[in-house]
Amino acid sequence: MSDLNGCSSCVHGSSCSRCPGLAYLEGDMRGPSIQDCEKSYARTGVMSWNLQKKKKREIPLTVVIA
């Protein structure tokens, strides 16, 4: 995985079960799959760089009770 965008310096590089099909469906076959990053996080409790980047982009949902 050393030649993949975002995966080369990932803390989960040695134990990741990266799926190129999922990465392709998410838009970049040569990059990480968010689903694979979430699986690695669930297994280790350590967030990857890609997962941290995704969490920063998320817009919090606001619930309005009328």
PDB file of N, CA and C in Angstrom:
ATOM      1  N   MET A   1       0.804  -1.192   0.000  1.00  0.00           N
ATOM      2  CA  MET A   1       0.000   0.000   0.000  1.00  0.00           C
ATOM      3  C   MET A   1       0.850   1.261   0.000  1.00  0.00           C
ATOM      4  N   SER A   2       2.125   1.102  -0.135  1.00  0.00           N
ATOM      5  CA  SER A   2       3.013   2.258  -0.058  1.00  0.00           C
ATOM      6  C   SER A   2       2.849   3.219  -1.223  1.00  0.00           C
ATOM      7  N   ASP A   3       2.254   2.775  -2.318  1.00  0.00           N
ATOM      8  CA  ASP A   3       2.093   3.671  -3.460  1.00  0.00           C
ATOM      9  C   ASP A   3       0.688   4.266  -3.576  1.00  0.00           C
ATOM     10  N   LEU A   4      -0.153   4.064  -2.594  1.00  0.00           N
ATOM     11  CA  LEU A   4      -1.522   4.560  -2.647  1.00  0.00           C
ATOM     12  C   LEU A   4      -1.658   5.911  -1.961  1.00  0.00           C
ATOM     13  N   ASN A   5      -2.447   6.796  -2.559  1.00  0.00           N
ATOM     14  CA  ASN A   5      -2.686   8.122  -2.002  1.00  0.00           C
ATOM     15  C   ASN A   5      -3.325   8.018  -0.622  1.00  0.00           C
ATOM     16  N   GLY A   6      -2.704   8.599   0.380  1.00  0.00           N
ATOM     17  CA  GLY A   6      -3.263   8.594   1.721  1.00  0.00           C
ATOM     18  C   GLY A   6      -2.998   7.333   2.522  1.00  0.00           C
ATOM     19  N   CYS A   7      -2.567   6.276   1.880  1.00  0.00           N
ATOM     20  CA  CYS A   7      -2.345   5.010   2.582  1.00  0.00           C
ATOM     21  C   CYS A   7      -0.870   4.796   2.934  1.00  0.00           C
ATOM     22  N   SER A   8       0.019   5.461   2.240  1.00  0.00           N
ATOM     23  CA  SER A   8       1.444   5.179   2.394  1.00  0.00           C
ATOM     24  C   SER A   8       1.971   5.451   3.797  1.00  0.00           C
ATOM     25  N   SER A   9       1.405   6.440   4.485  1.00  0.00           N
ATOM     26  CA  SER A   9       1.891   6.745   5.836  1.00  0.00           C
ATOM     27  C   SER A   9       0.845   6.459   6.908  1.00  0.00           C
ATOM     28  N   CYS A  10      -0.142   5.663   6.586  1.00  0.00           N
ATOM     29  CA  CYS A  10      -1.230   5.370   7.525  1.00  0.00           C
ATOM     30  C   CYS A  10      -0.761   4.470   8.668  1.00  0.00           C
ATOM     31  N   VAL A  11      -1.292   4.727   9.843  1.00  0.00           N
ATOM     32  CA  VAL A  11      -0.935   3.925  11.012  1.00  0.00           C
ATOM     33  C   VAL A  11      -1.439   2.493  10.901  1.00  0.00           C
ATOM     34  N   HIS A  12      -2.394   2.244  10.028  1.00  0.00           N
ATOM     35  CA  HIS A  12      -2.966   0.912   9.857  1.00  0.00           C
ATOM     36  C   HIS A  12      -2.412   0.175   8.638  1.00  0.00           C
ATOM     37  N   GLY A  13      -1.346   0.691   8.063  1.00  0.00           N
ATOM     38  CA  GLY A  13      -0.793   0.129   6.836  1.00  0.00           C
ATOM     39  C   GLY A  13      -0.519  -1.352   6.880  1.00  0.00           C
ATOM     40  N   SER A  14      -0.051  -1.855   7.990  1.00  0.00           N
ATOM     41  CA  SER A  14       0.312  -3.279   8.056  1.00  0.00           C
ATOM     42  C   SER A  14      -0.873  -4.192   8.333  1.00  0.00           C
ATOM     43  N   SER A  15      -1.987  -3.635   8.817  1.00  0.00           N
ATOM     44  CA  SER A  15      -3.120  -4.489   9.167  1.00  0.00           C
ATOM     45  C   SER A  15      -4.408  -4.162   8.408  1.00  0.00           C
ATOM     46  N   CYS A  16      -4.337  -3.214   7.491  1.00  0.00           N
ATOM     47  CA  CYS A  16      -5.525  -2.776   6.758  1.00  0.00           C
ATOM     48  C   CYS A  16      -5.959  -3.840   5.754  1.00  0.00           C
ATOM     49  N   SER A  17      -7.260  -4.006   5.628  1.00  0.00           N
ATOM     50  CA  SER A  17      -7.804  -4.945   4.642  1.00  0.00           C
ATOM     51  C   SER A  17      -8.444  -4.158   3.504  1.00  0.00           C
ATOM     52  N   ARG A  18      -7.723  -3.144   3.012  1.00  0.00           N
ATOM     53  CA  ARG A  18      -8.227  -2.220   2.007  1.00  0.00           C
ATOM     54  C   ARG A  18      -8.836  -2.938   0.807  1.00  0.00           C
ATOM     55  N   CYS A  19     -10.016  -2.458   0.408  1.00  0.00           N
ATOM     56  CA  CYS A  19     -10.708  -3.018  -0.742  1.00  0.00           C
ATOM     57  C   CYS A  19     -10.691  -2.011  -1.887  1.00  0.00           C
ATOM     58  N   PRO A  20     -10.019  -2.315  -2.988  1.00  0.00           N
ATOM     59  CA  PRO A  20      -9.972  -1.378  -4.099  1.00  0.00           C
ATOM     60  C   PRO A  20     -11.352  -1.126  -4.708  1.00  0.00           C
ATOM     61  N   GLY A  21     -12.245  -2.093  -4.604  1.00  0.00           N
ATOM     62  CA  GLY A  21     -13.603  -1.917  -5.123  1.00  0.00           C
ATOM     63  C   GLY A  21     -14.355  -0.839  -4.349  1.00  0.00           C
ATOM     64  N   LEU A  22     -14.244  -0.873  -3.027  1.00  0.00           N
ATOM     65  CA  LEU A  22     -14.886   0.170  -2.215  1.00  0.00           C
ATOM     66  C   LEU A  22     -14.262   1.528  -2.493  1.00  0.00           C
ATOM     67  N   ALA A  23     -12.947   1.559  -2.614  1.00  0.00           N
ATOM     68  CA  ALA A  23     -12.263   2.820  -2.909  1.00  0.00           C
ATOM     69  C   ALA A  23     -12.730   3.364  -4.255  1.00  0.00           C
ATOM     70  N   TYR A  24     -12.904   2.492  -5.230  1.00  0.00           N
ATOM     71  CA  TYR A  24     -13.387   2.910  -6.547  1.00  0.00           C
ATOM     72  C   TYR A  24     -14.799   3.493  -6.449  1.00  0.00           C
ATOM     73  N   LEU A  25     -15.676   2.822  -5.709  1.00  0.00           N
ATOM     74  CA  LEU A  25     -17.048   3.312  -5.547  1.00  0.00           C
ATOM     75  C   LEU A  25     -17.093   4.650  -4.819  1.00  0.00           C
ATOM     76  N   GLU A  26     -16.109   4.907  -3.968  1.00  0.00           N
ATOM     77  CA  GLU A  26     -16.051   6.165  -3.235  1.00  0.00           C
ATOM     78  C   GLU A  26     -15.341   7.258  -4.031  1.00  0.00           C
ATOM     79  N   GLY A  27     -14.829   6.923  -5.216  1.00  0.00           N
ATOM     80  CA  GLY A  27     -14.302   7.947  -6.100  1.00  0.00           C
ATOM     81  C   GLY A  27     -12.818   7.915  -6.427  1.00  0.00           C
ATOM     82  N   ASP A  28     -12.019   7.097  -5.733  1.00  0.00           N
ATOM     83  CA  ASP A  28     -10.578   7.074  -6.010  1.00  0.00           C
ATOM     84  C   ASP A  28     -10.021   5.683  -5.757  1.00  0.00           C
ATOM     85  N   MET A  29      -9.896   4.904  -6.823  1.00  0.00           N
ATOM     86  CA  MET A  29      -9.421   3.530  -6.662  1.00  0.00           C
ATOM     87  C   MET A  29      -7.999   3.472  -6.109  1.00  0.00           C
ATOM     88  N   ARG A  30      -7.214   4.523  -6.300  1.00  0.00           N
ATOM     89  CA  ARG A  30      -5.837   4.541  -5.821  1.00  0.00           C
ATOM     90  C   ARG A  30      -5.719   5.180  -4.448  1.00  0.00           C
ATOM     91  N   GLY A  31      -6.835   5.403  -3.785  1.00  0.00           N
ATOM     92  CA  GLY A  31      -6.816   6.008  -2.459  1.00  0.00           C
ATOM     93  C   GLY A  31      -7.502   5.125  -1.435  1.00  0.00           C
ATOM     94  N   PRO A  32      -7.646   5.625  -0.235  1.00  0.00           N
ATOM     95  CA  PRO A  32      -8.269   4.845   0.823  1.00  0.00           C
ATOM     96  C   PRO A  32      -9.787   4.810   0.707  1.00  0.00           C
ATOM     97  N   SER A  33     -10.370   3.785   1.253  1.00  0.00           N
ATOM     98  CA  SER A  33     -11.816   3.669   1.357  1.00  0.00           C
ATOM     99  C   SER A  33     -12.212   4.053   2.782  1.00  0.00           C
ATOM    100  N   ILE A  34     -13.177   4.948   2.916  1.00  0.00           N
ATOM    101  CA  ILE A  34     -13.638   5.368   4.236  1.00  0.00           C
ATOM    102  C   ILE A  34     -14.144   4.163   5.029  1.00  0.00           C
ATOM    103  N   GLN A  35     -14.822   3.249   4.355  1.00  0.00           N
ATOM    104  CA  GLN A  35     -15.348   2.071   5.058  1.00  0.00           C
ATOM    105  C   GLN A  35     -14.211   1.219   5.626  1.00  0.00           C
ATOM    106  N   ASP A  36     -13.138   1.076   4.872  1.00  0.00           N
ATOM    107  CA  ASP A  36     -11.989   0.315   5.376  1.00  0.00           C
ATOM    108  C   ASP A  36     -11.329   1.041   6.545  1.00  0.00           C
ATOM    109  N   CYS A  37     -11.255   2.380   6.460  1.00  0.00           N
ATOM    110  CA  CYS A  37     -10.686   3.163   7.557  1.00  0.00           C
ATOM    111  C   CYS A  37     -11.543   3.023   8.820  1.00  0.00           C
ATOM    112  N   GLU A  38     -12.866   3.012   8.640  1.00  0.00           N
ATOM    113  CA  GLU A  38     -13.756   2.842   9.785  1.00  0.00           C
ATOM    114  C   GLU A  38     -13.603   1.458  10.413  1.00  0.00           C
ATOM    115  N   LYS A  39     -13.397   0.435   9.569  1.00  0.00           N
ATOM    116  CA  LYS A  39     -13.161  -0.922  10.086  1.00  0.00           C
ATOM    117  C   LYS A  39     -11.876  -0.978  10.905  1.00  0.00           C
ATOM    118  N   SER A  40     -10.827  -0.355  10.401  1.00  0.00           N
ATOM    119  CA  SER A  40      -9.551  -0.333  11.123  1.00  0.00           C
ATOM    120  C   SER A  40      -9.695   0.419  12.439  1.00  0.00           C
ATOM    121  N   TYR A  41     -10.453   1.514  12.425  1.00  0.00           N
ATOM    122  CA  TYR A  41     -10.691   2.285  13.649  1.00  0.00           C
ATOM    123  C   TYR A  41     -11.466   1.453  14.674  1.00  0.00           C
ATOM    124  N   ALA A  42     -12.470   0.721  14.217  1.00  0.00           N
ATOM    125  CA  ALA A  42     -13.251  -0.129  15.129  1.00  0.00           C
ATOM    126  C   ALA A  42     -12.377  -1.217  15.745  1.00  0.00           C
ATOM    127  N   ARG A  43     -11.424  -1.715  14.961  1.00  0.00           N
ATOM    128  CA  ARG A  43     -10.546  -2.788  15.433  1.00  0.00           C
ATOM    129  C   ARG A  43      -9.477  -2.274  16.399  1.00  0.00           C
ATOM    130  N   THR A  44      -8.963  -1.055  16.172  1.00  0.00           N
ATOM    131  CA  THR A  44      -7.816  -0.589  16.959  1.00  0.00           C
ATOM    132  C   THR A  44      -8.104   0.595  17.884  1.00  0.00           C
ATOM    133  N   GLY A  45      -9.140   1.379  17.567  1.00  0.00           N
ATOM    134  CA  GLY A  45      -9.418   2.575  18.356  1.00  0.00           C
ATOM    135  C   GLY A  45      -8.549   3.757  17.982  1.00  0.00           C
ATOM    136  N   VAL A  46      -7.770   3.616  16.899  1.00  0.00           N
ATOM    137  CA  VAL A  46      -6.885   4.682  16.433  1.00  0.00           C
ATOM    138  C   VAL A  46      -7.409   5.175  15.086  1.00  0.00           C
ATOM    139  N   MET A  47      -7.669   6.484  14.996  1.00  0.00           N
ATOM    140  CA  MET A  47      -8.178   7.044  13.748  1.00  0.00           C
ATOM    141  C   MET A  47      -7.058   7.222  12.728  1.00  0.00           C
ATOM    142  N   SER A  48      -7.324   6.845  11.506  1.00  0.00           N
ATOM    143  CA  SER A  48      -6.374   7.078  10.419  1.00  0.00           C
ATOM    144  C   SER A  48      -6.472   8.532   9.985  1.00  0.00           C
ATOM    145  N   TRP A  49      -5.477   8.975   9.210  1.00  0.00           N
ATOM    146  CA  TRP A  49      -5.485  10.341   8.694  1.00  0.00           C
ATOM    147  C   TRP A  49      -6.719  10.574   7.838  1.00  0.00           C
ATOM    148  N   ASN A  50      -7.076   9.598   7.010  1.00  0.00           N
ATOM    149  CA  ASN A  50      -8.221   9.732   6.118  1.00  0.00           C
ATOM    150  C   ASN A  50      -9.525   9.860   6.911  1.00  0.00           C
ATOM    151  N   LEU A  51      -9.659   9.116   7.970  1.00  0.00           N
ATOM    152  CA  LEU A  51     -10.869   9.183   8.786  1.00  0.00           C
ATOM    153  C   LEU A  51     -10.943  10.507   9.538  1.00  0.00           C
ATOM    154  N   GLN A  52      -9.825  11.008  10.013  1.00  0.00           N
ATOM    155  CA  GLN A  52      -9.805  12.313  10.672  1.00  0.00           C
ATOM    156  C   GLN A  52     -10.211  13.402   9.701  1.00  0.00           C
ATOM    157  N   LYS A  53      -9.724  13.314   8.473  1.00  0.00           N
ATOM    158  CA  LYS A  53     -10.060  14.297   7.439  1.00  0.00           C
ATOM    159  C   LYS A  53     -11.558  14.261   7.136  1.00  0.00           C
ATOM    160  N   LYS A  54     -12.129  13.064   7.086  1.00  0.00           N
ATOM    161  CA  LYS A  54     -13.560  12.916   6.812  1.00  0.00           C
ATOM    162  C   LYS A  54     -14.389  13.526   7.936  1.00  0.00           C
ATOM    163  N   LYS A  55     -13.986  13.292   9.164  1.00  0.00           N
ATOM    164  CA  LYS A  55     -14.743  13.805  10.309  1.00  0.00           C
ATOM    165  C   LYS A  55     -14.744  15.330  10.327  1.00  0.00           C
ATOM    166  N   LYS A  56     -13.654  15.955   9.872  1.00  0.00           N
ATOM    167  CA  LYS A  56     -13.585  17.416   9.823  1.00  0.00           C
ATOM    168  C   LYS A  56     -14.527  17.981   8.768  1.00  0.00           C
ATOM    169  N   ARG A  57     -14.764  17.234   7.694  1.00  0.00           N
ATOM    170  CA  ARG A  57     -15.628  17.695   6.608  1.00  0.00           C
ATOM    171  C   ARG A  57     -17.106  17.551   6.929  1.00  0.00           C
ATOM    172  N   GLU A  58     -17.443  16.660   7.842  1.00  0.00           N
ATOM    173  CA  GLU A  58     -18.853  16.415   8.144  1.00  0.00           C
ATOM    174  C   GLU A  58     -19.504  17.643   8.754  1.00  0.00           C
ATOM    175  N   ILE A  59     -20.697  17.924   8.322  1.00  0.00           N
ATOM    176  CA  ILE A  59     -21.463  19.035   8.867  1.00  0.00           C
ATOM    177  C   ILE A  59     -22.401  18.465   9.926  1.00  0.00           C
ATOM    178  N   PRO A  60     -22.336  18.985  11.140  1.00  0.00           N
ATOM    179  CA  PRO A  60     -23.194  18.446  12.192  1.00  0.00           C
ATOM    180  C   PRO A  60     -24.669  18.631  11.837  1.00  0.00           C
ATOM    181  N   LEU A  61     -25.432  17.631  12.153  1.00  0.00           N
ATOM    182  CA  LEU A  61     -26.868  17.655  11.920  1.00  0.00           C
ATOM    183  C   LEU A  61     -27.548  18.441  13.040  1.00  0.00           C
ATOM    184  N   THR A  62     -28.408  19.353  12.676  1.00  0.00           N
ATOM    185  CA  THR A  62     -29.131  20.125  13.675  1.00  0.00           C
ATOM    186  C   THR A  62     -30.563  19.648  13.706  1.00  0.00           C
ATOM    187  N   VAL A  63     -31.027  19.273  14.863  1.00  0.00           N
ATOM    188  CA  VAL A  63     -32.393  18.818  15.037  1.00  0.00           C
ATOM    189  C   VAL A  63     -33.226  19.979  15.556  1.00  0.00           C
ATOM    190  N   VAL A  64     -34.310  20.263  14.837  1.00  0.00           N
ATOM    191  CA  VAL A  64     -35.198  21.333  15.243  1.00  0.00           C
ATOM    192  C   VAL A  64     -36.524  20.706  15.663  1.00  0.00           C
ATOM    193  N   ILE A  65     -36.911  20.971  16.888  1.00  0.00           N
ATOM    194  CA  ILE A  65     -38.177  20.460  17.397  1.00  0.00           C
ATOM    195  C   ILE A  65     -39.152  21.629  17.447  1.00  0.00           C
ATOM    196  N   ALA A  66     -40.236  21.511  16.688  1.00  0.00           N
ATOM    197  CA  ALA A  66     -41.183  22.621  16.632  1.00  0.00           C
ATOM    198  C   ALA A  66     -42.443  22.313  17.411  1.00  0.00           C
TER     199      ALA A  66
END
